[in-house]
Protein backbone atom coordinates (compact mmCIF):
# COMPACT_ATOMS: atom_id res chain seq x y z
CA UNK A 1 -31.51 -35.26 19.78
CA UNK A 2 -33.03 -33.12 22.57
CA UNK A 3 -35.90 -31.09 21.09
CA UNK A 4 -38.30 -28.58 22.62
CA UNK A 5 -41.91 -29.13 21.16
CA UNK A 6 -43.94 -26.02 20.35
CA UNK A 7 -46.65 -26.56 22.95
CA UNK A 8 -44.61 -28.12 25.77
CA UNK A 9 -42.71 -26.52 28.73
CA UNK A 10 -39.90 -29.11 28.73
CA UNK A 11 -37.80 -30.90 26.21
CA UNK A 12 -38.06 -34.42 24.71
CA UNK A 13 -35.54 -36.94 23.35
CA UNK A 14 -35.92 -38.00 19.78
CA UNK A 15 -34.02 -40.98 18.31
CA UNK A 16 -32.90 -41.34 14.78
CA UNK A 17 -30.66 -43.51 12.59
CA UNK A 18 -29.13 -40.65 10.78
CA UNK A 19 -29.42 -36.86 10.56
CA UNK A 20 -28.90 -34.49 7.62
CA UNK A 21 -28.69 -30.74 8.59
CA UNK A 22 -29.17 -28.06 5.86
CA UNK A 23 -28.89 -24.94 7.83
CA UNK A 24 -28.14 -22.19 5.20
CA UNK A 25 -26.14 -19.14 6.19
CA UNK A 26 -26.15 -17.70 9.76
CA UNK A 27 -23.93 -14.82 9.11
CA UNK A 28 -25.36 -11.25 9.03
CA UNK A 29 -22.44 -9.01 9.62
CA UNK A 30 -24.72 -5.98 10.33
CA UNK A 31 -27.04 -7.67 12.93
CA UNK A 32 -26.03 -8.24 16.60
CA UNK A 33 -26.57 -12.01 16.60
CA UNK A 34 -25.75 -12.61 12.91
CA UNK A 35 -29.13 -13.06 11.99
CA UNK A 36 -29.87 -13.44 8.18
CA UNK A 37 -33.02 -14.40 5.99
CA UNK A 38 -31.21 -17.74 5.00
CA UNK A 39 -31.03 -19.23 8.51
CA UNK A 40 -34.04 -19.35 10.98
CA UNK A 41 -33.50 -17.32 14.19
CA UNK A 42 -33.42 -20.25 16.71
CA UNK A 43 -31.86 -19.00 19.88
CA UNK A 44 -33.90 -17.46 22.50
CA UNK A 45 -31.39 -14.66 23.16
CA UNK A 46 -31.23 -13.95 19.46
CA UNK A 47 -34.88 -13.69 19.14
CA UNK A 48 -34.92 -10.88 21.66
CA UNK A 49 -32.90 -8.50 19.20
CA UNK A 50 -34.41 -10.28 15.97
CA UNK A 51 -35.86 -8.19 13.18
CA UNK A 52 -38.57 -10.55 13.19
CA UNK A 53 -39.44 -11.13 16.93
CA UNK A 54 -43.22 -11.81 16.17
CA UNK A 55 -42.17 -15.11 14.35
CA UNK A 56 -40.81 -18.15 16.38
CA UNK A 57 -38.59 -19.86 13.71
CA UNK A 58 -37.59 -22.56 16.20
CA UNK A 59 -40.58 -24.49 14.92
CA UNK A 60 -41.67 -25.35 11.42
CA UNK A 61 -44.85 -23.17 11.38
CA UNK A 62 -42.78 -20.18 12.29
CA UNK A 63 -40.43 -20.77 9.54
CA UNK A 64 -43.37 -21.23 7.16
CA UNK A 65 -44.77 -17.89 8.24
CA UNK A 66 -41.49 -15.99 7.67
CA UNK A 67 -41.01 -17.39 4.27
CA UNK A 68 -44.68 -16.28 3.41
CA UNK A 69 -43.95 -12.92 4.59
CA UNK A 70 -40.97 -12.58 2.43
CA UNK A 71 -42.89 -13.91 -0.51
CA UNK A 72 -45.57 -11.44 -0.13
CA UNK A 73 -42.79 -8.59 -0.09
CA UNK A 74 -41.41 -10.07 -3.27
CA UNK A 75 -44.87 -10.40 -4.91
CA UNK A 76 -45.58 -6.78 -4.04
CA UNK A 77 -42.39 -5.56 -5.74
CA UNK A 78 -43.21 -7.56 -8.78
CA UNK A 79 -46.75 -6.21 -8.89
CA UNK A 80 -45.18 -2.74 -8.78
CA UNK A 81 -42.72 -3.72 -11.53
CA UNK A 82 -39.92 -2.68 -9.18
CA UNK A 83 -36.30 -3.23 -10.04
CA UNK A 84 -33.94 -4.96 -7.48
CA UNK A 85 -30.28 -6.11 -7.28
CA UNK A 86 -29.54 -9.59 -5.93
CA UNK A 87 -26.02 -10.00 -4.93
C-alpha cells in the first residue's frame, strides 16, 4: 500500500500479508463531499469543505481527537440530562 506518513512530504510503500478495512459509512446526503461522523474525512479536497477542518483524520491521532470531541459533546448532553433521538 502507498501511505503518506503524518510528518513526511512524500509517500512510502508498506507491505502486508493481508488487509482488513473496516471503513464505516461515508454517505452524508446533506454534505457536499458525503462527510459523516462514521467515516474519517481522508481526502484532501473533502477536508477543505469539512465540518471539522481543524482535525486531520487521515492519521490516527486526528481520528482520536475527533472521537474525543464527540465524546465530550455527548458527555455534556448527559451532564445536562438532555434528551436525544438516535435514528
